[in-house]
Amino acid sequence: MPYDALILSPLVGYAYHRIILDAAGHPVDYEFLEVNATFEKLTNADRTAQPSAGGGLSVSSLP
């Protein structure tokens, strides 16, 4: 994948999300699917504390 070097870079915070929609199709939340170490450092997040590979729901993950 051509973006691997950028994503793994210690200078760039990276997070990949999945948008969660309500029954009407409106976005209501998002889930962290993958984050890199720099994103964790910048946000004080801990991907190992969440049930999925990168995070969990934004409402429960961020202040």
C-alpha atoms as a PDB file:
ATOM      1  CA  MET A   1       0.000   0.000   0.000  1.00  0.00           C
ATOM      2  CA  PRO A   2       1.531   3.349  -1.002  1.00  0.00           C
ATOM      3  CA  TYR A   3       0.413   5.182   2.135  1.00  0.00           C
ATOM      4  CA  ASP A   4       1.994   2.794   4.642  1.00  0.00           C
ATOM      5  CA  ALA A   5       5.079   4.952   5.163  1.00  0.00           C
ATOM      6  CA  LEU A   6       2.931   8.021   5.823  1.00  0.00           C
ATOM      7  CA  ILE A   7       0.581   6.197   8.199  1.00  0.00           C
ATOM      8  CA  LEU A   8       3.438   4.665  10.160  1.00  0.00           C
ATOM      9  CA  SER A   9       5.368   7.942  10.291  1.00  0.00           C
ATOM     10  CA  PRO A  10       6.022   9.249  13.795  1.00  0.00           C
ATOM     11  CA  LEU A  11       5.113  12.742  12.541  1.00  0.00           C
ATOM     12  CA  VAL A  12       1.569  12.026  11.384  1.00  0.00           C
ATOM     13  CA  GLY A  13      -1.408  11.096  13.574  1.00  0.00           C
ATOM     14  CA  TYR A  14      -3.633   8.680  11.669  1.00  0.00           C
ATOM     15  CA  ALA A  15      -7.090   7.309  12.450  1.00  0.00           C
ATOM     16  CA  TYR A  16      -9.390   5.249  10.239  1.00  0.00           C
ATOM     17  CA  HIS A  17     -13.108   5.438  11.113  1.00  0.00           C
ATOM     18  CA  ARG A  18     -16.409   3.768  10.327  1.00  0.00           C
ATOM     19  CA  ILE A  19     -19.444   6.076  10.277  1.00  0.00           C
ATOM     20  CA  ILE A  20     -22.449   4.783  12.241  1.00  0.00           C
ATOM     21  CA  LEU A  21     -25.863   5.752  10.889  1.00  0.00           C
ATOM     22  CA  ASP A  22     -29.257   5.821  12.584  1.00  0.00           C
ATOM     23  CA  ALA A  23     -32.358   4.181  11.077  1.00  0.00           C
ATOM     24  CA  ALA A  24     -32.964   7.265   8.913  1.00  0.00           C
ATOM     25  CA  GLY A  25     -29.443   7.130   7.488  1.00  0.00           C
ATOM     26  CA  HIS A  26     -28.092  10.120   9.434  1.00  0.00           C
ATOM     27  CA  PRO A  27     -24.606   9.907  10.941  1.00  0.00           C
ATOM     28  CA  VAL A  28     -24.798   9.625  14.731  1.00  0.00           C
ATOM     29  CA  ASP A  29     -21.348   8.417  15.711  1.00  0.00           C
ATOM     30  CA  TYR A  30     -18.180   6.882  14.379  1.00  0.00           C
ATOM     31  CA  GLU A  31     -15.965   4.013  15.402  1.00  0.00           C
ATOM     32  CA  PHE A  32     -12.190   3.999  15.416  1.00  0.00           C
ATOM     33  CA  LEU A  33     -11.088   1.022  13.330  1.00  0.00           C
ATOM     34  CA  GLU A  34      -7.374   1.726  13.253  1.00  0.00           C
ATOM     35  CA  VAL A  35      -5.035   4.319  14.746  1.00  0.00           C
ATOM     36  CA  ASN A  36      -1.284   4.735  14.789  1.00  0.00           C
ATOM     37  CA  ALA A  37       0.942   5.423  17.788  1.00  0.00           C
ATOM     38  CA  THR A  38       1.198   9.151  17.020  1.00  0.00           C
ATOM     39  CA  PHE A  39      -2.604   9.509  17.050  1.00  0.00           C
ATOM     40  CA  GLU A  40      -2.660   7.760  20.427  1.00  0.00           C
ATOM     41  CA  LYS A  41      -0.011  10.124  21.765  1.00  0.00           C
ATOM     42  CA  LEU A  42      -1.749  13.260  20.438  1.00  0.00           C
ATOM     43  CA  THR A  43      -5.168  12.281  21.807  1.00  0.00           C
ATOM     44  CA  ASN A  44      -4.092  10.350  24.922  1.00  0.00           C
ATOM     45  CA  ALA A  45      -6.047   7.410  23.502  1.00  0.00           C
ATOM     46  CA  ASP A  46      -5.147   3.796  24.186  1.00  0.00           C
ATOM     47  CA  ARG A  47      -6.105   1.385  21.416  1.00  0.00           C
ATOM     48  CA  THR A  48      -5.426  -1.609  23.679  1.00  0.00           C
ATOM     49  CA  ALA A  49      -8.120  -0.444  26.108  1.00  0.00           C
ATOM     50  CA  GLN A  50     -10.845  -0.594  23.458  1.00  0.00           C
ATOM     51  CA  PRO A  51     -12.660  -3.686  22.162  1.00  0.00           C
ATOM     52  CA  SER A  52     -11.829  -3.189  18.473  1.00  0.00           C
ATOM     53  CA  ALA A  53      -8.459  -2.878  16.763  1.00  0.00           C
ATOM     54  CA  GLY A  54      -8.338   0.873  16.944  1.00  0.00           C
ATOM     55  CA  GLY A  55     -10.820   2.221  19.284  1.00  0.00           C
ATOM     56  CA  GLY A  56     -14.500   1.984  19.772  1.00  0.00           C
ATOM     57  CA  LEU A  57     -17.154   4.640  19.560  1.00  0.00           C
ATOM     58  CA  SER A  58     -16.075   8.252  19.530  1.00  0.00           C
ATOM     59  CA  VAL A  59     -18.598   9.262  22.196  1.00  0.00           C
ATOM     60  CA  SER A  60     -17.029   6.858  24.659  1.00  0.00           C
ATOM     61  CA  SER A  61     -13.420   7.363  23.544  1.00  0.00           C
ATOM     62  CA  LEU A  62     -12.833  11.097  23.410  1.00  0.00           C
ATOM     63  CA  PRO A  63     -13.455  13.796  26.015  1.00  0.00           C
END
